[in-house]
């Protein structure tokens, strides 16, 4: 039994009609590992991006939708990390595990 703590920068691609923007997101996540697999209810994560700068540059953006899209990107990237590092088995892991 042990804990894994990861810090990563991931990118969310925001496709606007006239421009495509890669938004850097700082992500910190941690989870308990038991017998080489994640303890599902132990996963916690935090993310940070410069929302104010995006809304200032693109005032027509929907703030709530942006937050939701960023959150989904973070969850997807954490899930990929867990699968790639074999902390989570694809065949027996629930979709909402992350």
C-alpha atoms as a PDB file:
ATOM      1  CA  UNK A   1       0.000   0.000   0.000  1.00  0.00           C
ATOM      2  CA  UNK A   2       1.261   3.449  -0.918  1.00  0.00           C
ATOM      3  CA  UNK A   3       0.276   6.778  -2.347  1.00  0.00           C
ATOM      4  CA  UNK A   4       1.111   8.217  -5.748  1.00  0.00           C
ATOM      5  CA  UNK A   5       1.154  11.972  -6.237  1.00  0.00           C
ATOM      6  CA  UNK A   6       1.489  13.363  -9.752  1.00  0.00           C
ATOM      7  CA  UNK A   7       1.777  16.902 -11.073  1.00  0.00           C
ATOM      8  CA  UNK A   8       1.291  17.433 -14.779  1.00  0.00           C
ATOM      9  CA  UNK A   9       0.522  20.116 -17.307  1.00  0.00           C
ATOM     10  CA  UNK A  10      -2.090  19.035 -19.798  1.00  0.00           C
ATOM     11  CA  UNK A  11      -3.757  20.945 -22.614  1.00  0.00           C
ATOM     12  CA  UNK A  12      -7.371  21.491 -23.510  1.00  0.00           C
ATOM     13  CA  UNK A  13      -7.952  22.404 -27.133  1.00  0.00           C
ATOM     14  CA  UNK A  14     -10.543  25.105 -27.544  1.00  0.00           C
ATOM     15  CA  UNK A  15     -11.756  25.271 -31.125  1.00  0.00           C
ATOM     16  CA  UNK A  16     -13.238  28.595 -32.007  1.00  0.00           C
ATOM     17  CA  UNK A  17     -14.542  29.273 -35.508  1.00  0.00           C
ATOM     18  CA  UNK A  18     -11.660  31.604 -36.248  1.00  0.00           C
ATOM     19  CA  UNK A  19      -8.909  30.187 -34.036  1.00  0.00           C
ATOM     20  CA  UNK A  20      -7.792  27.101 -32.154  1.00  0.00           C
ATOM     21  CA  UNK A  21      -6.373  27.667 -28.676  1.00  0.00           C
ATOM     22  CA  UNK A  22      -4.381  25.221 -26.535  1.00  0.00           C
ATOM     23  CA  UNK A  23      -5.161  25.984 -22.905  1.00  0.00           C
ATOM     24  CA  UNK A  24      -2.506  24.798 -20.435  1.00  0.00           C
ATOM     25  CA  UNK A  25      -3.930  23.293 -17.257  1.00  0.00           C
ATOM     26  CA  UNK A  26      -1.892  22.492 -14.166  1.00  0.00           C
ATOM     27  CA  UNK A  27      -3.145  19.279 -12.622  1.00  0.00           C
ATOM     28  CA  UNK A  28      -2.235  17.648  -9.317  1.00  0.00           C
ATOM     29  CA  UNK A  29      -3.742  14.289  -8.504  1.00  0.00           C
ATOM     30  CA  UNK A  30      -3.102  11.666  -5.877  1.00  0.00           C
ATOM     31  CA  UNK A  31      -4.386   8.206  -5.148  1.00  0.00           C
ATOM     32  CA  UNK A  32      -3.735   5.150  -3.036  1.00  0.00           C
ATOM     33  CA  UNK A  33      -2.275   2.029  -4.640  1.00  0.00           C
ATOM     34  CA  UNK A  34      -2.971  -1.378  -3.172  1.00  0.00           C
ATOM     35  CA  UNK A  35      -1.712  -4.586  -4.825  1.00  0.00           C
ATOM     36  CA  UNK A  36      -0.630  -2.601  -7.889  1.00  0.00           C
ATOM     37  CA  UNK A  37      -4.064  -1.068  -8.531  1.00  0.00           C
ATOM     38  CA  UNK A  38      -5.721   2.181  -7.594  1.00  0.00           C
ATOM     39  CA  UNK A  39      -8.126   2.281  -4.673  1.00  0.00           C
ATOM     40  CA  UNK A  40     -10.949   3.959  -6.606  1.00  0.00           C
ATOM     41  CA  UNK A  41     -12.399   6.104  -3.846  1.00  0.00           C
ATOM     42  CA  UNK A  42      -8.962   7.480  -2.921  1.00  0.00           C
ATOM     43  CA  UNK A  43      -8.444   9.558  -6.087  1.00  0.00           C
ATOM     44  CA  UNK A  44      -8.458  13.318  -5.622  1.00  0.00           C
ATOM     45  CA  UNK A  45      -7.382  15.992  -8.047  1.00  0.00           C
ATOM     46  CA  UNK A  46      -7.040  19.736  -8.403  1.00  0.00           C
ATOM     47  CA  UNK A  47      -6.694  21.753 -11.576  1.00  0.00           C
ATOM     48  CA  UNK A  48      -5.798  25.331 -12.356  1.00  0.00           C
ATOM     49  CA  UNK A  49      -5.966  27.382 -15.540  1.00  0.00           C
ATOM     50  CA  UNK A  50      -6.070  31.085 -16.318  1.00  0.00           C
ATOM     51  CA  UNK A  51      -9.805  31.492 -16.734  1.00  0.00           C
ATOM     52  CA  UNK A  52      -9.743  35.281 -16.317  1.00  0.00           C
ATOM     53  CA  UNK A  53      -7.296  35.750 -19.186  1.00  0.00           C
ATOM     54  CA  UNK A  54      -9.378  33.535 -21.464  1.00  0.00           C
ATOM     55  CA  UNK A  55     -12.594  35.371 -20.667  1.00  0.00           C
ATOM     56  CA  UNK A  56     -10.879  38.715 -21.164  1.00  0.00           C
ATOM     57  CA  UNK A  57      -9.500  37.710 -24.565  1.00  0.00           C
ATOM     58  CA  UNK A  58     -12.650  35.846 -25.646  1.00  0.00           C
ATOM     59  CA  UNK A  59     -15.560  37.624 -23.924  1.00  0.00           C
ATOM     60  CA  UNK A  60     -18.188  35.551 -25.758  1.00  0.00           C
ATOM     61  CA  UNK A  61     -17.050  32.330 -24.092  1.00  0.00           C
ATOM     62  CA  UNK A  62     -19.544  30.657 -21.803  1.00  0.00           C
ATOM     63  CA  UNK A  63     -17.728  30.499 -18.456  1.00  0.00           C
ATOM     64  CA  UNK A  64     -19.717  27.548 -17.107  1.00  0.00           C
ATOM     65  CA  UNK A  65     -19.301  25.529 -20.311  1.00  0.00           C
ATOM     66  CA  UNK A  66     -15.566  26.252 -20.330  1.00  0.00           C
ATOM     67  CA  UNK A  67     -15.257  24.984 -16.737  1.00  0.00           C
ATOM     68  CA  UNK A  68     -17.175  21.815 -17.597  1.00  0.00           C
ATOM     69  CA  UNK A  69     -15.083  21.153 -20.726  1.00  0.00           C
ATOM     70  CA  UNK A  70     -11.838  21.687 -18.802  1.00  0.00           C
ATOM     71  CA  UNK A  71     -13.051  19.354 -16.026  1.00  0.00           C
ATOM     72  CA  UNK A  72     -13.897  16.635 -18.564  1.00  0.00           C
ATOM     73  CA  UNK A  73     -10.488  16.996 -20.238  1.00  0.00           C
ATOM     74  CA  UNK A  74      -8.743  16.667 -16.873  1.00  0.00           C
ATOM     75  CA  UNK A  75     -10.747  13.545 -15.994  1.00  0.00           C
ATOM     76  CA  UNK A  76      -9.998  11.991 -19.395  1.00  0.00           C
ATOM     77  CA  UNK A  77      -6.255  12.659 -19.117  1.00  0.00           C
ATOM     78  CA  UNK A  78      -6.080  11.257 -15.573  1.00  0.00           C
ATOM     79  CA  UNK A  79      -7.944   8.148 -16.739  1.00  0.00           C
ATOM     80  CA  UNK A  80      -5.481   7.723 -19.632  1.00  0.00           C
ATOM     81  CA  UNK A  81      -2.577   8.072 -17.185  1.00  0.00           C
ATOM     82  CA  UNK A  82      -4.051   5.419 -14.884  1.00  0.00           C
ATOM     83  CA  UNK A  83      -4.672   3.016 -17.789  1.00  0.00           C
ATOM     84  CA  UNK A  84      -1.239   3.584 -19.368  1.00  0.00           C
ATOM     85  CA  UNK A  85       0.505   2.957 -16.061  1.00  0.00           C
ATOM     86  CA  UNK A  86      -1.681  -0.081 -15.335  1.00  0.00           C
ATOM     87  CA  UNK A  87      -3.146   1.315 -12.132  1.00  0.00           C
ATOM     88  CA  UNK A  88      -6.573   0.872 -13.688  1.00  0.00           C
ATOM     89  CA  UNK A  89      -7.617  -2.085 -15.813  1.00  0.00           C
ATOM     90  CA  UNK A  90      -9.775  -1.111 -18.790  1.00  0.00           C
ATOM     91  CA  UNK A  91     -11.779  -4.333 -18.863  1.00  0.00           C
ATOM     92  CA  UNK A  92     -13.024  -4.083 -15.277  1.00  0.00           C
ATOM     93  CA  UNK A  93     -12.988  -0.366 -14.499  1.00  0.00           C
ATOM     94  CA  UNK A  94     -16.192   1.616 -14.282  1.00  0.00           C
ATOM     95  CA  UNK A  95     -16.425   4.637 -16.583  1.00  0.00           C
ATOM     96  CA  UNK A  96     -17.076   6.957 -13.671  1.00  0.00           C
ATOM     97  CA  UNK A  97     -13.982   5.781 -11.770  1.00  0.00           C
ATOM     98  CA  UNK A  98     -12.283   8.993 -12.793  1.00  0.00           C
END
